[in-house]
PDB file of N, CA and C in Angstrom:
ATOM      1  N   MET A   1     113.379 108.843  74.674  1.00  0.00           N
ATOM      2  CA  MET A   1     114.248 109.883  74.208  1.00  0.00           C
ATOM      3  C   MET A   1     115.236 109.277  73.240  1.00  0.00           C
ATOM      4  N   LYS A   2     115.420 109.912  72.136  1.00  0.00           N
ATOM      5  CA  LYS A   2     116.353 109.439  71.122  1.00  0.00           C
ATOM      6  C   LYS A   2     117.774 109.791  71.527  1.00  0.00           C
ATOM      7  N   ASP A   3     118.728 109.007  70.991  1.00  0.00           N
ATOM      8  CA  ASP A   3     120.125 109.266  71.302  1.00  0.00           C
ATOM      9  C   ASP A   3     120.583 110.630  70.807  1.00  0.00           C
ATOM     10  N   SER A   4     119.998 111.129  69.744  1.00  0.00           N
ATOM     11  CA  SER A   4     120.423 112.399  69.176  1.00  0.00           C
ATOM     12  C   SER A   4     119.882 113.614  69.933  1.00  0.00           C
ATOM     13  N   GLU A   5     118.872 113.405  70.788  1.00  0.00           N
ATOM     14  CA  GLU A   5     118.307 114.516  71.542  1.00  0.00           C
ATOM     15  C   GLU A   5     119.223 114.877  72.707  1.00  0.00           C
ATOM     16  N   PRO A   6     119.335 116.152  73.008  1.00  0.00           N
ATOM     17  CA  PRO A   6     120.171 116.530  74.152  1.00  0.00           C
ATOM     18  C   PRO A   6     119.507 116.098  75.456  1.00  0.00           C
ATOM     19  N   LYS A   7     120.326 115.722  76.420  1.00  0.00           N
ATOM     20  CA  LYS A   7     119.795 115.326  77.718  1.00  0.00           C
ATOM     21  C   LYS A   7     119.384 116.571  78.490  1.00  0.00           C
ATOM     22  N   ARG A   8     118.281 116.458  79.164  1.00  0.00           N
ATOM     23  CA  ARG A   8     117.801 117.575  79.965  1.00  0.00           C
ATOM     24  C   ARG A   8     118.447 117.515  81.343  1.00  0.00           C
ATOM     25  N   LYS A   9     118.804 118.659  81.827  1.00  0.00           N
ATOM     26  CA  LYS A   9     119.362 118.729  83.173  1.00  0.00           C
ATOM     27  C   LYS A   9     118.237 118.577  84.177  1.00  0.00           C
ATOM     28  N   LYS A  10     118.542 117.899  85.274  1.00  0.00           N
ATOM     29  CA  LYS A  10     117.542 117.755  86.328  1.00  0.00           C
ATOM     30  C   LYS A  10     117.439 119.062  87.093  1.00  0.00           C
ATOM     31  N   ASN A  11     116.230 119.468  87.318  1.00  0.00           N
ATOM     32  CA  ASN A  11     115.978 120.676  88.071  1.00  0.00           C
ATOM     33  C   ASN A  11     115.700 120.275  89.517  1.00  0.00           C
ATOM     34  N   PRO A  12     116.539 120.698  90.471  1.00  0.00           N
ATOM     35  CA  PRO A  12     116.339 120.267  91.865  1.00  0.00           C
ATOM     36  C   PRO A  12     115.035 120.771  92.478  1.00  0.00           C
ATOM     37  N   LYS A  13     114.399 121.780  91.864  1.00  0.00           N
ATOM     38  CA  LYS A  13     113.117 122.247  92.375  1.00  0.00           C
ATOM     39  C   LYS A  13     112.005 121.236  92.099  1.00  0.00           C
ATOM     40  N   TYR A  14     112.178 120.415  91.080  1.00  0.00           N
ATOM     41  CA  TYR A  14     111.142 119.461  90.690  1.00  0.00           C
ATOM     42  C   TYR A  14     111.621 118.052  90.959  1.00  0.00           C
ATOM     43  N   THR A  15     111.338 117.568  92.134  1.00  0.00           N
ATOM     44  CA  THR A  15     111.698 116.207  92.491  1.00  0.00           C
ATOM     45  C   THR A  15     110.419 115.417  92.702  1.00  0.00           C
ATOM     46  N   TYR A  16     110.527 114.139  92.814  1.00  0.00           N
ATOM     47  CA  TYR A  16     109.357 113.301  93.019  1.00  0.00           C
ATOM     48  C   TYR A  16     109.693 112.154  93.953  1.00  0.00           C
ATOM     49  N   THR A  17     108.669 111.557  94.500  1.00  0.00           N
ATOM     50  CA  THR A  17     108.785 110.393  95.354  1.00  0.00           C
ATOM     51  C   THR A  17     108.052 109.253  94.679  1.00  0.00           C
ATOM     52  N   VAL A  18     108.698 108.112  94.574  1.00  0.00           N
ATOM     53  CA  VAL A  18     108.069 106.938  93.981  1.00  0.00           C
ATOM     54  C   VAL A  18     106.966 106.450  94.921  1.00  0.00           C
ATOM     55  N   PHE A  19     105.802 106.200  94.358  1.00  0.00           N
ATOM     56  CA  PHE A  19     104.681 105.686  95.135  1.00  0.00           C
ATOM     57  C   PHE A  19     104.287 104.358  94.519  1.00  0.00           C
ATOM     58  N   TYR A  20     104.610 103.287  95.186  1.00  0.00           N
ATOM     59  CA  TYR A  20     104.425 101.948  94.635  1.00  0.00           C
ATOM     60  C   TYR A  20     102.955 101.533  94.608  1.00  0.00           C
ATOM     61  N   ASN A  21     102.584 100.804  93.575  1.00  0.00           N
ATOM     62  CA  ASN A  21     101.197 100.354  93.417  1.00  0.00           C
ATOM     63  C   ASN A  21     100.732  99.522  94.591  1.00  0.00           C
ATOM     64  N   ARG A  22     101.591  98.680  95.137  1.00  0.00           N
ATOM     65  CA  ARG A  22     101.156  97.820  96.247  1.00  0.00           C
ATOM     66  C   ARG A  22     100.845  98.639  97.494  1.00  0.00           C
ATOM     67  N   ILE A  23     101.572  99.748  97.689  1.00  0.00           N
ATOM     68  CA  ILE A  23     101.266 100.629  98.816  1.00  0.00           C
ATOM     69  C   ILE A  23      99.931 101.324  98.565  1.00  0.00           C
ATOM     70  N   TYR A  24      99.754 101.807  97.354  1.00  0.00           N
ATOM     71  CA  TYR A  24      98.499 102.469  96.990  1.00  0.00           C
ATOM     72  C   TYR A  24      97.323 101.512  97.172  1.00  0.00           C
ATOM     73  N   ASP A  25      97.444 100.294  96.655  1.00  0.00           N
ATOM     74  CA  ASP A  25      96.351  99.320  96.751  1.00  0.00           C
ATOM     75  C   ASP A  25      96.030  98.986  98.202  1.00  0.00           C
ATOM     76  N   ALA A  26      97.058  98.784  99.021  1.00  0.00           N
ATOM     77  CA  ALA A  26      96.841  98.444 100.425  1.00  0.00           C
ATOM     78  C   ALA A  26      96.202  99.611 101.173  1.00  0.00           C
ATOM     79  N   PHE A  27      96.670 100.811 100.887  1.00  0.00           N
ATOM     80  CA  PHE A  27      96.120 101.980 101.575  1.00  0.00           C
ATOM     81  C   PHE A  27      94.688 102.257 101.141  1.00  0.00           C
ATOM     82  N   MET A  28      94.416 102.157  99.856  1.00  0.00           N
ATOM     83  CA  MET A  28      93.071 102.430  99.364  1.00  0.00           C
ATOM     84  C   MET A  28      92.072 101.379  99.840  1.00  0.00           C
ATOM     85  N   ALA A  29      92.540 100.190 100.169  1.00  0.00           N
ATOM     86  CA  ALA A  29      91.650  99.165 100.728  1.00  0.00           C
ATOM     87  C   ALA A  29      91.095  99.603 102.089  1.00  0.00           C
ATOM     88  N   GLN A  30      91.795 100.528 102.750  1.00  0.00           N
ATOM     89  CA  GLN A  30      91.331 101.051 104.041  1.00  0.00           C
ATOM     90  C   GLN A  30      90.195 102.067 103.880  1.00  0.00           C
ATOM     91  N   LYS A  31      89.941 102.486 102.630  1.00  0.00           N
ATOM     92  CA  LYS A  31      88.919 103.486 102.313  1.00  0.00           C
ATOM     93  C   LYS A  31      89.113 104.779 103.123  1.00  0.00           C
ATOM     94  N   PRO A  32      90.257 105.433 102.913  1.00  0.00           N
ATOM     95  CA  PRO A  32      90.526 106.656 103.674  1.00  0.00           C
ATOM     96  C   PRO A  32      89.665 107.822 103.198  1.00  0.00           C
ATOM     97  N   ASN A  33      89.391 108.736 104.120  1.00  0.00           N
ATOM     98  CA  ASN A  33      88.699 109.965 103.710  1.00  0.00           C
ATOM     99  C   ASN A  33      89.753 110.963 103.220  1.00  0.00           C
ATOM    100  N   GLY A  34      89.333 112.140 102.828  1.00  0.00           N
ATOM    101  CA  GLY A  34      90.248 113.113 102.245  1.00  0.00           C
ATOM    102  C   GLY A  34      91.347 113.571 103.177  1.00  0.00           C
ATOM    103  N   SER A  35      91.020 113.783 104.437  1.00  0.00           N
ATOM    104  CA  SER A  35      92.043 114.246 105.378  1.00  0.00           C
ATOM    105  C   SER A  35      93.037 113.132 105.697  1.00  0.00           C
ATOM    106  N   GLU A  36      92.560 111.891 105.801  1.00  0.00           N
ATOM    107  CA  GLU A  36      93.481 110.767 106.024  1.00  0.00           C
ATOM    108  C   GLU A  36      94.424 110.600 104.834  1.00  0.00           C
ATOM    109  N   TRP A  37      93.889 110.766 103.623  1.00  0.00           N
ATOM    110  CA  TRP A  37      94.715 110.682 102.425  1.00  0.00           C
ATOM    111  C   TRP A  37      95.787 111.777 102.454  1.00  0.00           C
ATOM    112  N   ALA A  38      95.385 112.999 102.785  1.00  0.00           N
ATOM    113  CA  ALA A  38      96.325 114.119 102.805  1.00  0.00           C
ATOM    114  C   ALA A  38      97.410 113.924 103.862  1.00  0.00           C
ATOM    115  N   VAL A  39      97.032 113.484 105.043  1.00  0.00           N
ATOM    116  CA  VAL A  39      98.010 113.256 106.114  1.00  0.00           C
ATOM    117  C   VAL A  39      98.942 112.103 105.741  1.00  0.00           C
ATOM    118  N   PHE A  40      98.379 111.040 105.177  1.00  0.00           N
ATOM    119  CA  PHE A  40      99.202 109.916 104.746  1.00  0.00           C
ATOM    120  C   PHE A  40     100.217 110.352 103.693  1.00  0.00           C
ATOM    121  N   MET A  41      99.750 111.081 102.677  1.00  0.00           N
ATOM    122  CA  MET A  41     100.650 111.507 101.607  1.00  0.00           C
ATOM    123  C   MET A  41     101.709 112.481 102.124  1.00  0.00           C
ATOM    124  N   TYR A  42     101.337 113.362 103.029  1.00  0.00           N
ATOM    125  CA  TYR A  42     102.321 114.269 103.617  1.00  0.00           C
ATOM    126  C   TYR A  42     103.383 113.465 104.362  1.00  0.00           C
ATOM    127  N   THR A  43     102.937 112.529 105.197  1.00  0.00           N
ATOM    128  CA  THR A  43     103.871 111.716 105.975  1.00  0.00           C
ATOM    129  C   THR A  43     104.720 110.843 105.065  1.00  0.00           C
ATOM    130  N   TYR A  44     104.114 110.255 104.050  1.00  0.00           N
ATOM    131  CA  TYR A  44     104.852 109.421 103.092  1.00  0.00           C
ATOM    132  C   TYR A  44     105.929 110.238 102.394  1.00  0.00           C
ATOM    133  N   ARG A  45     105.548 111.408 101.929  1.00  0.00           N
ATOM    134  CA  ARG A  45     106.496 112.271 101.204  1.00  0.00           C
ATOM    135  C   ARG A  45     107.632 112.716 102.113  1.00  0.00           C
ATOM    136  N   GLU A  46     107.326 113.052 103.345  1.00  0.00           N
ATOM    137  CA  GLU A  46     108.343 113.552 104.268  1.00  0.00           C
ATOM    138  C   GLU A  46     109.226 112.448 104.839  1.00  0.00           C
ATOM    139  N   THR A  47     108.762 111.211 104.867  1.00  0.00           N
ATOM    140  CA  THR A  47     109.582 110.129 105.422  1.00  0.00           C
ATOM    141  C   THR A  47     110.212 109.298 104.312  1.00  0.00           C
ATOM    142  N   VAL A  48     109.420 108.580 103.568  1.00  0.00           N
ATOM    143  CA  VAL A  48     109.933 107.730 102.497  1.00  0.00           C
ATOM    144  C   VAL A  48     110.611 108.573 101.422  1.00  0.00           C
ATOM    145  N   GLY A  49     110.033 109.717 101.120  1.00  0.00           N
ATOM    146  CA  GLY A  49     110.593 110.593 100.100  1.00  0.00           C
ATOM    147  C   GLY A  49     111.939 111.178 100.464  1.00  0.00           C
ATOM    148  N   TYR A  50     112.252 111.169 101.733  1.00  0.00           N
ATOM    149  CA  TYR A  50     113.545 111.680 102.190  1.00  0.00           C
ATOM    150  C   TYR A  50     114.325 110.575 102.886  1.00  0.00           C
ATOM    151  N   GLN A  51     114.506 109.486 102.207  1.00  0.00           N
ATOM    152  CA  GLN A  51     115.323 108.355 102.647  1.00  0.00           C
ATOM    153  C   GLN A  51     114.909 107.765 103.994  1.00  0.00           C
ATOM    154  N   GLY A  52     113.635 107.756 104.266  1.00  0.00           N
ATOM    155  CA  GLY A  52     113.123 107.063 105.439  1.00  0.00           C
ATOM    156  C   GLY A  52     113.395 107.730 106.767  1.00  0.00           C
ATOM    157  N   ARG A  53     113.617 109.018 106.762  1.00  0.00           N
ATOM    158  CA  ARG A  53     113.874 109.693 108.028  1.00  0.00           C
ATOM    159  C   ARG A  53     112.565 109.886 108.782  1.00  0.00           C
ATOM    160  N   THR A  54     112.665 110.134 110.082  1.00  0.00           N
ATOM    161  CA  THR A  54     111.475 110.444 110.862  1.00  0.00           C
ATOM    162  C   THR A  54     111.226 111.944 110.786  1.00  0.00           C
ATOM    163  N   ILE A  55     110.016 112.332 111.073  1.00  0.00           N
ATOM    164  CA  ILE A  55     109.668 113.753 111.063  1.00  0.00           C
ATOM    165  C   ILE A  55     109.021 114.106 112.394  1.00  0.00           C
ATOM    166  N   ASP A  56     109.119 115.363 112.760  1.00  0.00           N
ATOM    167  CA  ASP A  56     108.371 115.875 113.903  1.00  0.00           C
ATOM    168  C   ASP A  56     107.002 116.266 113.384  1.00  0.00           C
ATOM    169  N   PHE A  57     106.010 115.477 113.760  1.00  0.00           N
ATOM    170  CA  PHE A  57     104.654 115.673 113.267  1.00  0.00           C
ATOM    171  C   PHE A  57     103.978 116.728 114.122  1.00  0.00           C
ATOM    172  N   LYS A  58     103.779 117.887 113.562  1.00  0.00           N
ATOM    173  CA  LYS A  58     103.075 118.962 114.257  1.00  0.00           C
ATOM    174  C   LYS A  58     101.807 119.261 113.469  1.00  0.00           C
ATOM    175  N   SER A  59     100.692 119.141 114.123  1.00  0.00           N
ATOM    176  CA  SER A  59      99.396 119.299 113.460  1.00  0.00           C
ATOM    177  C   SER A  59      99.270 120.626 112.736  1.00  0.00           C
ATOM    178  N   VAL A  60      99.794 121.685 113.320  1.00  0.00           N
ATOM    179  CA  VAL A  60      99.685 123.003 112.705  1.00  0.00           C
ATOM    180  C   VAL A  60     100.451 123.037 111.382  1.00  0.00           C
ATOM    181  N   ASN A  61     101.654 122.466 111.365  1.00  0.00           N
ATOM    182  CA  ASN A  61     102.444 122.427 110.132  1.00  0.00           C
ATOM    183  C   ASN A  61     101.766 121.577 109.060  1.00  0.00           C
ATOM    184  N   VAL A  62     101.281 120.412 109.455  1.00  0.00           N
ATOM    185  CA  VAL A  62     100.622 119.522 108.508  1.00  0.00           C
ATOM    186  C   VAL A  62      99.338 120.169 108.000  1.00  0.00           C
ATOM    187  N   ALA A  63      98.622 120.836 108.876  1.00  0.00           N
ATOM    188  CA  ALA A  63      97.394 121.533 108.476  1.00  0.00           C
ATOM    189  C   ALA A  63      97.712 122.603 107.442  1.00  0.00           C
ATOM    190  N   HIS A  64      98.773 123.327 107.659  1.00  0.00           N
ATOM    191  CA  HIS A  64      99.178 124.368 106.703  1.00  0.00           C
ATOM    192  C   HIS A  64      99.513 123.751 105.344  1.00  0.00           C
ATOM    193  N   MET A  65     100.223 122.639 105.348  1.00  0.00           N
ATOM    194  CA  MET A  65     100.655 122.011 104.095  1.00  0.00           C
ATOM    195  C   MET A  65      99.514 121.300 103.366  1.00  0.00           C
ATOM    196  N   THR A  66      98.523 120.809 104.110  1.00  0.00           N
ATOM    197  CA  THR A  66      97.446 120.042 103.487  1.00  0.00           C
ATOM    198  C   THR A  66      96.164 120.841 103.290  1.00  0.00           C
ATOM    199  N   GLY A  67      96.044 121.974 103.968  1.00  0.00           N
ATOM    200  CA  GLY A  67      94.833 122.775 103.847  1.00  0.00           C
ATOM    201  C   GLY A  67      93.701 122.328 104.750  1.00  0.00           C
ATOM    202  N   HIS A  68      93.986 121.438 105.684  1.00  0.00           N
ATOM    203  CA  HIS A  68      92.968 120.966 106.622  1.00  0.00           C
ATOM    204  C   HIS A  68      93.139 121.655 107.975  1.00  0.00           C
ATOM    205  N   ASP A  69      92.085 121.657 108.761  1.00  0.00           N
ATOM    206  CA  ASP A  69      92.104 122.202 110.107  1.00  0.00           C
ATOM    207  C   ASP A  69      92.982 121.318 111.000  1.00  0.00           C
ATOM    208  N   PRO A  70      93.745 121.883 111.959  1.00  0.00           N
ATOM    209  CA  PRO A  70      94.590 121.061 112.835  1.00  0.00           C
ATOM    210  C   PRO A  70      93.825 119.964 113.581  1.00  0.00           C
ATOM    211  N   ARG A  71      92.590 120.235 113.992  1.00  0.00           N
ATOM    212  CA  ARG A  71      91.801 119.186 114.667  1.00  0.00           C
ATOM    213  C   ARG A  71      91.472 118.042 113.708  1.00  0.00           C
ATOM    214  N   THR A  72      91.217 118.382 112.450  1.00  0.00           N
ATOM    215  CA  THR A  72      90.952 117.358 111.440  1.00  0.00           C
ATOM    216  C   THR A  72      92.206 116.544 111.189  1.00  0.00           C
ATOM    217  N   VAL A  73      93.352 117.201 111.168  1.00  0.00           N
ATOM    218  CA  VAL A  73      94.636 116.505 110.993  1.00  0.00           C
ATOM    219  C   VAL A  73      94.868 115.542 112.147  1.00  0.00           C
ATOM    220  N   ASP A  74      94.574 115.986 113.387  1.00  0.00           N
ATOM    221  CA  ASP A  74      94.738 115.107 114.548  1.00  0.00           C
ATOM    222  C   ASP A  74      93.848 113.871 114.442  1.00  0.00           C
ATOM    223  N   LYS A  75      92.600 114.049 114.013  1.00  0.00           N
ATOM    224  CA  LYS A  75      91.691 112.905 113.860  1.00  0.00           C
ATOM    225  C   LYS A  75      92.195 111.949 112.781  1.00  0.00           C
ATOM    226  N   ALA A  76      92.678 112.503 111.679  1.00  0.00           N
ATOM    227  CA  ALA A  76      93.199 111.669 110.598  1.00  0.00           C
ATOM    228  C   ALA A  76      94.447 110.922 111.057  1.00  0.00           C
ATOM    229  N   TYR A  77      95.324 111.618 111.770  1.00  0.00           N
ATOM    230  CA  TYR A  77      96.543 110.981 112.293  1.00  0.00           C
ATOM    231  C   TYR A  77      96.173 109.829 113.219  1.00  0.00           C
ATOM    232  N   LYS A  78      95.211 110.069 114.108  1.00  0.00           N
ATOM    233  CA  LYS A  78      94.798 109.018 115.045  1.00  0.00           C
ATOM    234  C   LYS A  78      94.224 107.812 114.298  1.00  0.00           C
ATOM    235  N   ALA A  79      93.412 108.071 113.275  1.00  0.00           N
ATOM    236  CA  ALA A  79      92.841 106.963 112.496  1.00  0.00           C
ATOM    237  C   ALA A  79      93.936 106.159 111.798  1.00  0.00           C
ATOM    238  N   LEU A  80      94.926 106.847 111.229  1.00  0.00           N
ATOM    239  CA  LEU A  80      96.027 106.160 110.558  1.00  0.00           C
ATOM    240  C   LEU A  80      96.898 105.409 111.559  1.00  0.00           C
ATOM    241  N   HIS A  81      97.091 106.006 112.717  1.00  0.00           N
ATOM    242  CA  HIS A  81      97.887 105.346 113.756  1.00  0.00           C
ATOM    243  C   HIS A  81      97.160 104.117 114.288  1.00  0.00           C
ATOM    244  N   ASP A  82      95.863 104.247 114.531  1.00  0.00           N
ATOM    245  CA  ASP A  82      95.072 103.112 115.040  1.00  0.00           C
ATOM    246  C   ASP A  82      95.008 101.963 114.034  1.00  0.00           C
ATOM    247  N   ALA A  83      95.092 102.283 112.734  1.00  0.00           N
ATOM    248  CA  ALA A  83      95.071 101.253 111.689  1.00  0.00           C
ATOM    249  C   ALA A  83      96.474 100.693 111.408  1.00  0.00           C
ATOM    250  N   ASN A  84      97.451 101.110 112.211  1.00  0.00           N
ATOM    251  CA  ASN A  84      98.847 100.670 112.063  1.00  0.00           C
ATOM    252  C   ASN A  84      99.445 101.037 110.711  1.00  0.00           C
ATOM    253  N   ILE A  85      99.008 102.136 110.166  1.00  0.00           N
ATOM    254  CA  ILE A  85      99.582 102.624 108.909  1.00  0.00           C
ATOM    255  C   ILE A  85     100.749 103.556 109.208  1.00  0.00           C
ATOM    256  N   ILE A  86     100.600 104.371 110.234  1.00  0.00           N
ATOM    257  CA  ILE A  86     101.662 105.258 110.699  1.00  0.00           C
ATOM    258  C   ILE A  86     102.027 104.826 112.109  1.00  0.00           C
ATOM    259  N   GLU A  87     103.317 104.771 112.371  1.00  0.00           N
ATOM    260  CA  GLU A  87     103.743 104.495 113.737  1.00  0.00           C
ATOM    261  C   GLU A  87     104.389 105.762 114.285  1.00  0.00           C
ATOM    262  N   SER A  88     104.339 105.902 115.589  1.00  0.00           N
ATOM    263  CA  SER A  88     104.941 107.092 116.184  1.00  0.00           C
ATOM    264  C   SER A  88     105.748 106.710 117.407  1.00  0.00           C
ATOM    265  N   THR A  89     106.707 107.540 117.688  1.00  0.00           N
ATOM    266  CA  THR A  89     107.517 107.419 118.889  1.00  0.00           C
ATOM    267  C   THR A  89     107.369 108.743 119.609  1.00  0.00           C
ATOM    268  N   ARG A  90     106.559 108.737 120.613  1.00  0.00           N
ATOM    269  CA  ARG A  90     106.310 109.995 121.319  1.00  0.00           C
ATOM    270  C   ARG A  90     107.482 110.315 122.249  1.00  0.00           C
ATOM    271  N   THR A  91     107.827 111.583 122.248  1.00  0.00           N
ATOM    272  CA  THR A  91     108.784 112.093 123.211  1.00  0.00           C
ATOM    273  C   THR A  91     108.046 113.109 124.061  1.00  0.00           C
ATOM    274  N   LYS A  92     108.737 113.762 124.948  1.00  0.00           N
ATOM    275  CA  LYS A  92     108.066 114.664 125.887  1.00  0.00           C
ATOM    276  C   LYS A  92     107.211 115.718 125.181  1.00  0.00           C
ATOM    277  N   ASN A  93     107.783 116.417 124.221  1.00  0.00           N
ATOM    278  CA  ASN A  93     107.053 117.515 123.584  1.00  0.00           C
ATOM    279  C   ASN A  93     106.817 117.299 122.105  1.00  0.00           C
ATOM    280  N   ARG A  94     107.233 116.158 121.564  1.00  0.00           N
ATOM    281  CA  ARG A  94     107.141 115.971 120.119  1.00  0.00           C
ATOM    282  C   ARG A  94     106.505 114.623 119.805  1.00  0.00           C
ATOM    283  N   ARG A  95     106.065 114.511 118.584  1.00  0.00           N
ATOM    284  CA  ARG A  95     105.455 113.282 118.124  1.00  0.00           C
ATOM    285  C   ARG A  95     106.090 112.929 116.775  1.00  0.00           C
ATOM    286  N   PRO A  96     107.335 112.386 116.761  1.00  0.00           N
ATOM    287  CA  PRO A  96     107.921 111.991 115.484  1.00  0.00           C
ATOM    288  C   PRO A  96     107.111 110.864 114.849  1.00  0.00           C
ATOM    289  N   SER A  97     106.983 110.907 113.547  1.00  0.00           N
ATOM    290  CA  SER A  97     106.182 109.924 112.825  1.00  0.00           C
ATOM    291  C   SER A  97     107.013 109.235 111.759  1.00  0.00           C
ATOM    292  N   GLN A  98     106.632 108.029 111.475  1.00  0.00           N
ATOM    293  CA  GLN A  98     107.224 107.311 110.364  1.00  0.00           C
ATOM    294  C   GLN A  98     106.188 106.306 109.875  1.00  0.00           C
ATOM    295  N   LEU A  99     106.216 106.043 108.585  1.00  0.00           N
ATOM    296  CA  LEU A  99     105.303 105.049 108.047  1.00  0.00           C
ATOM    297  C   LEU A  99     105.716 103.672 108.502  1.00  0.00           C
ATOM    298  N   GLN A 100     104.762 102.813 108.694  1.00  0.00           N
ATOM    299  CA  GLN A 100     105.039 101.442 109.086  1.00  0.00           C
ATOM    300  C   GLN A 100     105.593 100.700 107.902  1.00  0.00           C
ATOM    301  N   HIS A 101     106.808 100.212 108.000  1.00  0.00           N
ATOM    302  CA  HIS A 101     107.411  99.439 106.907  1.00  0.00           C
ATOM    303  C   HIS A 101     107.205  97.970 107.166  1.00  0.00           C
ATOM    304  N   GLU A 102     106.841  97.241 106.133  1.00  0.00           N
ATOM    305  CA  GLU A 102     106.627  95.792 106.290  1.00  0.00           C
ATOM    306  C   GLU A 102     107.770  95.031 105.693  1.00  0.00           C
TER     307      GLU A 102
END
């Protein structure tokens, strides 16, 4: 952008989350399927994208946001959890999730 051009105002409706190449490379080395990719990206966006907070992972909500069946979301979540990509802290009725930070 040239100095003479007016600066554009940021529109709060259009935000983004930085996705680092090293995270992408490490994740893609796992050869995820489409549902694992969708669940990972949803979890990444909801945790890292919002200053590293935890989320209440509900299969129905994630299914709605990703377009996958809740059972498919559960299988993808389990695969990501078993591969130590997503960690969870289970409580009585909830399953908060957060990405594993190295």
